[in-house]
Amino acid sequence: MTEGLSRGEEEIIENALRRAALNDYPNPDRKDCPAKKLLKRLAAKKLKPTDPVIQHVAECSPCFREMQELRRKLKRNPWLKMFIGGAVLGGVAAFFGWKPSSRTKRDE
């Protein structure tokens, strides 16, 4: 009977696979590399598991590195994204002249 891997064993395997993807598949000419927008979608986990981009990134160290950097940026900036989104909404509201109502129920 086989037992499952311990969390430590899983991490060892994941690290070995990550190192291999980062170093063992050079592609200096960047042959068949997907567009940056697809790497961004992969970094954001917005591609289906069957998408061929995933197989390419697993076999292309430069794309794997780029995708990992894009993923780090996404993880690092969630609050910045919300701040920018709020600022954009506030700017749109100001542009169209929306102001919060100063009236209360008592004023009606």
N, C-alpha and C. Protein backbone atom coordinates (compact mmCIF):
# COMPACT_ATOMS: atom_id res chain seq x y z
N MET A 1 0.85 -1.17 0.00
CA MET A 1 0.00 0.00 0.00
C MET A 1 0.90 1.24 0.00
N THR A 2 0.59 2.19 -0.87
CA THR A 2 1.39 3.41 -0.92
C THR A 2 0.70 4.49 -0.12
N GLU A 3 1.53 5.31 0.51
CA GLU A 3 0.99 6.42 1.29
C GLU A 3 1.24 7.72 0.55
N GLY A 4 0.48 8.73 0.88
CA GLY A 4 0.68 10.03 0.27
C GLY A 4 1.97 10.67 0.74
N LEU A 5 2.39 11.67 0.02
CA LEU A 5 3.60 12.39 0.39
C LEU A 5 3.33 13.32 1.56
N SER A 6 4.34 13.50 2.38
CA SER A 6 4.21 14.48 3.46
C SER A 6 4.31 15.87 2.84
N ARG A 7 3.93 16.88 3.59
CA ARG A 7 4.01 18.26 3.09
C ARG A 7 5.46 18.61 2.75
N GLY A 8 6.40 18.14 3.56
CA GLY A 8 7.82 18.39 3.30
C GLY A 8 8.28 17.75 2.01
N GLU A 9 7.82 16.51 1.76
CA GLU A 9 8.18 15.83 0.51
C GLU A 9 7.57 16.53 -0.69
N GLU A 10 6.33 17.00 -0.55
CA GLU A 10 5.69 17.75 -1.64
C GLU A 10 6.47 19.01 -1.96
N GLU A 11 6.92 19.72 -0.92
CA GLU A 11 7.70 20.95 -1.14
C GLU A 11 9.02 20.66 -1.83
N ILE A 12 9.67 19.56 -1.48
CA ILE A 12 10.93 19.18 -2.13
C ILE A 12 10.70 18.96 -3.63
N ILE A 13 9.64 18.24 -3.96
CA ILE A 13 9.32 17.96 -5.36
C ILE A 13 8.97 19.26 -6.09
N GLU A 14 8.13 20.11 -5.48
CA GLU A 14 7.75 21.37 -6.10
C GLU A 14 8.98 22.24 -6.36
N ASN A 15 9.88 22.31 -5.39
CA ASN A 15 11.10 23.12 -5.56
C ASN A 15 11.98 22.57 -6.67
N ALA A 16 12.09 21.26 -6.76
CA ALA A 16 12.90 20.65 -7.83
C ALA A 16 12.29 20.95 -9.20
N LEU A 17 10.98 20.85 -9.30
CA LEU A 17 10.31 21.15 -10.57
C LEU A 17 10.47 22.64 -10.93
N ARG A 18 10.35 23.50 -9.93
CA ARG A 18 10.51 24.94 -10.16
C ARG A 18 11.93 25.25 -10.66
N ARG A 19 12.93 24.65 -10.01
CA ARG A 19 14.33 24.87 -10.44
C ARG A 19 14.54 24.37 -11.86
N ALA A 20 13.96 23.23 -12.19
CA ALA A 20 14.10 22.69 -13.54
C ALA A 20 13.45 23.62 -14.55
N ALA A 21 12.25 24.11 -14.25
CA ALA A 21 11.56 25.01 -15.18
C ALA A 21 12.32 26.32 -15.35
N LEU A 22 12.98 26.77 -14.28
CA LEU A 22 13.74 28.03 -14.35
C LEU A 22 15.04 27.89 -15.12
N ASN A 23 15.64 26.71 -15.13
CA ASN A 23 17.01 26.58 -15.65
C ASN A 23 17.23 25.55 -16.75
N ASP A 24 16.43 24.52 -16.80
CA ASP A 24 16.73 23.40 -17.68
C ASP A 24 16.17 23.51 -19.09
N TYR A 25 15.44 24.58 -19.39
CA TYR A 25 14.81 24.69 -20.70
C TYR A 25 15.14 26.04 -21.34
N PRO A 26 16.40 26.27 -21.69
CA PRO A 26 16.73 27.55 -22.30
C PRO A 26 16.05 27.68 -23.67
N ASN A 27 15.71 28.89 -23.98
CA ASN A 27 15.09 29.17 -25.27
C ASN A 27 15.59 30.56 -25.68
N PRO A 28 16.89 30.67 -26.00
CA PRO A 28 17.48 31.99 -26.24
C PRO A 28 16.83 32.75 -27.39
N ASP A 29 16.27 32.04 -28.35
CA ASP A 29 15.61 32.71 -29.48
C ASP A 29 14.14 33.00 -29.21
N ARG A 30 13.68 32.57 -28.03
CA ARG A 30 12.27 32.73 -27.63
C ARG A 30 11.32 32.18 -28.69
N LYS A 31 11.67 31.00 -29.20
CA LYS A 31 10.88 30.33 -30.24
C LYS A 31 9.52 29.91 -29.70
N ASP A 32 8.48 30.30 -30.42
CA ASP A 32 7.09 29.94 -30.11
C ASP A 32 6.59 30.51 -28.78
N CYS A 33 7.25 31.54 -28.25
CA CYS A 33 6.81 32.12 -26.98
C CYS A 33 5.49 32.87 -27.17
N PRO A 34 4.59 32.75 -26.21
CA PRO A 34 3.30 33.43 -26.31
C PRO A 34 3.45 34.93 -26.05
N ALA A 35 2.45 35.67 -26.44
CA ALA A 35 2.42 37.11 -26.21
C ALA A 35 2.37 37.39 -24.71
N LYS A 36 2.87 38.55 -24.32
CA LYS A 36 2.92 38.92 -22.90
C LYS A 36 1.53 38.90 -22.28
N LYS A 37 0.50 39.28 -23.05
CA LYS A 37 -0.85 39.30 -22.48
C LYS A 37 -1.30 37.90 -22.06
N LEU A 38 -0.84 36.87 -22.78
CA LEU A 38 -1.18 35.50 -22.37
C LEU A 38 -0.42 35.10 -21.12
N LEU A 39 0.84 35.54 -21.00
CA LEU A 39 1.59 35.25 -19.77
C LEU A 39 0.93 35.95 -18.58
N LYS A 40 0.42 37.16 -18.80
CA LYS A 40 -0.29 37.87 -17.73
C LYS A 40 -1.55 37.12 -17.33
N ARG A 41 -2.27 36.59 -18.31
CA ARG A 41 -3.48 35.82 -17.99
C ARG A 41 -3.14 34.55 -17.23
N LEU A 42 -2.03 33.91 -17.61
CA LEU A 42 -1.59 32.72 -16.89
C LEU A 42 -1.18 33.09 -15.46
N ALA A 43 -0.45 34.18 -15.31
CA ALA A 43 -0.03 34.63 -13.98
C ALA A 43 -1.23 34.92 -13.09
N ALA A 44 -2.30 35.43 -13.68
CA ALA A 44 -3.52 35.75 -12.94
C ALA A 44 -4.44 34.54 -12.79
N LYS A 45 -3.98 33.39 -13.30
CA LYS A 45 -4.74 32.14 -13.22
C LYS A 45 -6.08 32.24 -13.95
N LYS A 46 -6.03 32.85 -15.13
CA LYS A 46 -7.24 33.03 -15.93
C LYS A 46 -7.25 32.17 -17.19
N LEU A 47 -6.37 31.19 -17.26
CA LEU A 47 -6.37 30.29 -18.40
C LEU A 47 -6.86 28.92 -17.96
N LYS A 48 -7.47 28.21 -18.89
CA LYS A 48 -7.91 26.84 -18.59
C LYS A 48 -6.69 25.93 -18.46
N PRO A 49 -6.78 24.90 -17.63
CA PRO A 49 -5.65 23.98 -17.46
C PRO A 49 -5.19 23.32 -18.76
N THR A 50 -6.05 23.28 -19.76
CA THR A 50 -5.70 22.63 -21.02
C THR A 50 -5.09 23.61 -22.03
N ASP A 51 -4.96 24.87 -21.67
CA ASP A 51 -4.43 25.86 -22.61
C ASP A 51 -2.99 25.51 -22.96
N PRO A 52 -2.63 25.53 -24.25
CA PRO A 52 -1.27 25.18 -24.67
C PRO A 52 -0.18 26.13 -24.13
N VAL A 53 -0.56 27.32 -23.71
CA VAL A 53 0.41 28.25 -23.12
C VAL A 53 1.04 27.64 -21.88
N ILE A 54 0.25 26.91 -21.11
CA ILE A 54 0.76 26.29 -19.88
C ILE A 54 1.87 25.29 -20.21
N GLN A 55 1.67 24.48 -21.22
CA GLN A 55 2.70 23.51 -21.62
C GLN A 55 3.95 24.23 -22.09
N HIS A 56 3.77 25.30 -22.87
CA HIS A 56 4.94 26.04 -23.35
C HIS A 56 5.73 26.61 -22.17
N VAL A 57 5.05 27.24 -21.23
CA VAL A 57 5.73 27.86 -20.09
C VAL A 57 6.46 26.80 -19.26
N ALA A 58 5.90 25.61 -19.18
CA ALA A 58 6.55 24.53 -18.44
C ALA A 58 7.83 24.06 -19.13
N GLU A 59 7.96 24.35 -20.42
CA GLU A 59 9.12 23.89 -21.19
C GLU A 59 9.98 25.04 -21.71
N CYS A 60 9.79 26.24 -21.19
CA CYS A 60 10.54 27.41 -21.66
C CYS A 60 10.94 28.24 -20.43
N SER A 61 12.20 28.13 -20.05
CA SER A 61 12.66 28.84 -18.85
C SER A 61 12.43 30.35 -18.91
N PRO A 62 12.69 31.03 -20.04
CA PRO A 62 12.45 32.48 -20.06
C PRO A 62 10.97 32.83 -19.82
N CYS A 63 10.07 32.08 -20.41
CA CYS A 63 8.64 32.35 -20.20
C CYS A 63 8.24 32.03 -18.76
N PHE A 64 8.79 30.95 -18.21
CA PHE A 64 8.47 30.60 -16.83
C PHE A 64 8.92 31.71 -15.89
N ARG A 65 10.15 32.23 -16.11
CA ARG A 65 10.66 33.33 -15.27
C ARG A 65 9.76 34.56 -15.40
N GLU A 66 9.40 34.89 -16.64
CA GLU A 66 8.56 36.07 -16.86
C GLU A 66 7.19 35.91 -16.20
N MET A 67 6.60 34.73 -16.33
CA MET A 67 5.29 34.47 -15.72
C MET A 67 5.40 34.57 -14.19
N GLN A 68 6.48 34.05 -13.62
CA GLN A 68 6.64 34.13 -12.16
C GLN A 68 6.77 35.58 -11.69
N GLU A 69 7.50 36.39 -12.46
CA GLU A 69 7.65 37.80 -12.10
C GLU A 69 6.30 38.52 -12.19
N LEU A 70 5.53 38.22 -13.22
CA LEU A 70 4.19 38.81 -13.35
C LEU A 70 3.31 38.38 -12.17
N ARG A 71 3.41 37.13 -11.75
CA ARG A 71 2.62 36.63 -10.62
C ARG A 71 3.04 37.35 -9.33
N ARG A 72 4.35 37.56 -9.15
CA ARG A 72 4.83 38.28 -7.96
C ARG A 72 4.27 39.70 -7.93
N LYS A 73 4.27 40.35 -9.08
CA LYS A 73 3.73 41.72 -9.15
C LYS A 73 2.25 41.74 -8.80
N LEU A 74 1.51 40.75 -9.28
CA LEU A 74 0.08 40.68 -8.97
C LEU A 74 -0.15 40.49 -7.47
N LYS A 75 0.64 39.63 -6.86
CA LYS A 75 0.49 39.38 -5.43
C LYS A 75 0.92 40.58 -4.60
N ARG A 76 1.90 41.32 -5.10
CA ARG A 76 2.47 42.43 -4.35
C ARG A 76 1.57 43.66 -4.37
N ASN A 77 0.72 43.81 -5.37
CA ASN A 77 0.00 45.05 -5.55
C ASN A 77 -1.52 44.99 -5.42
N PRO A 78 -2.11 44.10 -4.64
CA PRO A 78 -3.59 44.09 -4.61
C PRO A 78 -4.17 45.37 -4.03
N TRP A 79 -3.53 45.95 -3.02
CA TRP A 79 -4.07 47.19 -2.44
C TRP A 79 -3.88 48.36 -3.39
N LEU A 80 -2.78 48.37 -4.11
CA LEU A 80 -2.55 49.43 -5.08
C LEU A 80 -3.63 49.37 -6.16
N LYS A 81 -3.98 48.18 -6.60
CA LYS A 81 -5.03 48.04 -7.62
C LYS A 81 -6.36 48.57 -7.10
N MET A 82 -6.69 48.25 -5.84
CA MET A 82 -7.95 48.74 -5.29
C MET A 82 -7.92 50.26 -5.15
N PHE A 83 -6.78 50.81 -4.74
CA PHE A 83 -6.65 52.26 -4.61
C PHE A 83 -6.83 52.93 -5.97
N ILE A 84 -6.16 52.41 -6.98
CA ILE A 84 -6.27 52.98 -8.32
C ILE A 84 -7.71 52.85 -8.83
N GLY A 85 -8.33 51.70 -8.60
CA GLY A 85 -9.72 51.51 -9.01
C GLY A 85 -10.64 52.52 -8.34
N GLY A 86 -10.44 52.74 -7.04
CA GLY A 86 -11.25 53.74 -6.32
C GLY A 86 -10.99 55.13 -6.84
N ALA A 87 -9.74 55.45 -7.14
CA ALA A 87 -9.42 56.77 -7.66
C ALA A 87 -10.06 56.99 -9.03
N VAL A 88 -10.05 55.96 -9.86
CA VAL A 88 -10.68 56.07 -11.18
C VAL A 88 -12.18 56.28 -11.03
N LEU A 89 -12.82 55.51 -10.16
CA LEU A 89 -14.26 55.69 -9.94
C LEU A 89 -14.58 57.08 -9.40
N GLY A 90 -13.75 57.54 -8.46
CA GLY A 90 -13.94 58.88 -7.92
C GLY A 90 -13.77 59.95 -8.99
N GLY A 91 -12.78 59.76 -9.86
CA GLY A 91 -12.56 60.70 -10.96
C GLY A 91 -13.73 60.72 -11.93
N VAL A 92 -14.26 59.56 -12.25
CA VAL A 92 -15.42 59.49 -13.14
C VAL A 92 -16.61 60.18 -12.50
N ALA A 93 -16.83 59.91 -11.22
CA ALA A 93 -17.95 60.54 -10.51
C ALA A 93 -17.79 62.06 -10.50
N ALA A 94 -16.57 62.53 -10.25
CA ALA A 94 -16.34 63.98 -10.22
C ALA A 94 -16.54 64.57 -11.61
N PHE A 95 -16.09 63.87 -12.63
CA PHE A 95 -16.23 64.35 -14.00
C PHE A 95 -17.70 64.55 -14.37
N PHE A 96 -18.54 63.63 -13.94
CA PHE A 96 -19.96 63.72 -14.26
C PHE A 96 -20.75 64.53 -13.23
N GLY A 97 -20.06 65.11 -12.27
CA GLY A 97 -20.70 66.02 -11.33
C GLY A 97 -21.47 65.35 -10.21
N TRP A 98 -21.20 64.08 -9.92
CA TRP A 98 -21.90 63.41 -8.83
C TRP A 98 -21.34 63.89 -7.51
N LYS A 99 -22.25 64.21 -6.60
CA LYS A 99 -21.84 64.60 -5.25
C LYS A 99 -22.67 63.80 -4.26
N PRO A 100 -22.07 63.42 -3.16
CA PRO A 100 -22.87 62.70 -2.16
C PRO A 100 -24.00 63.61 -1.68
N SER A 101 -25.12 63.03 -1.45
CA SER A 101 -26.27 63.80 -0.99
C SER A 101 -26.02 64.32 0.42
N SER A 102 -26.26 65.60 0.62
CA SER A 102 -26.10 66.17 1.97
C SER A 102 -27.43 66.16 2.71
N ARG A 103 -28.47 65.75 2.01
CA ARG A 103 -29.80 65.72 2.65
C ARG A 103 -29.93 64.48 3.51
N THR A 104 -30.61 64.62 4.59
CA THR A 104 -30.92 63.48 5.46
C THR A 104 -32.41 63.27 5.42
N LYS A 105 -32.88 62.24 6.03
CA LYS A 105 -34.32 61.96 6.03
C LYS A 105 -35.08 63.10 6.70
N ARG A 106 -34.49 63.74 7.69
CA ARG A 106 -35.17 64.84 8.38
C ARG A 106 -35.39 66.03 7.46
N ASP A 107 -34.52 66.20 6.45
CA ASP A 107 -34.65 67.34 5.53
C ASP A 107 -35.79 67.16 4.55
N GLU A 108 -36.28 65.96 4.40
CA GLU A 108 -37.31 65.71 3.38
C GLU A 108 -38.66 66.18 3.80
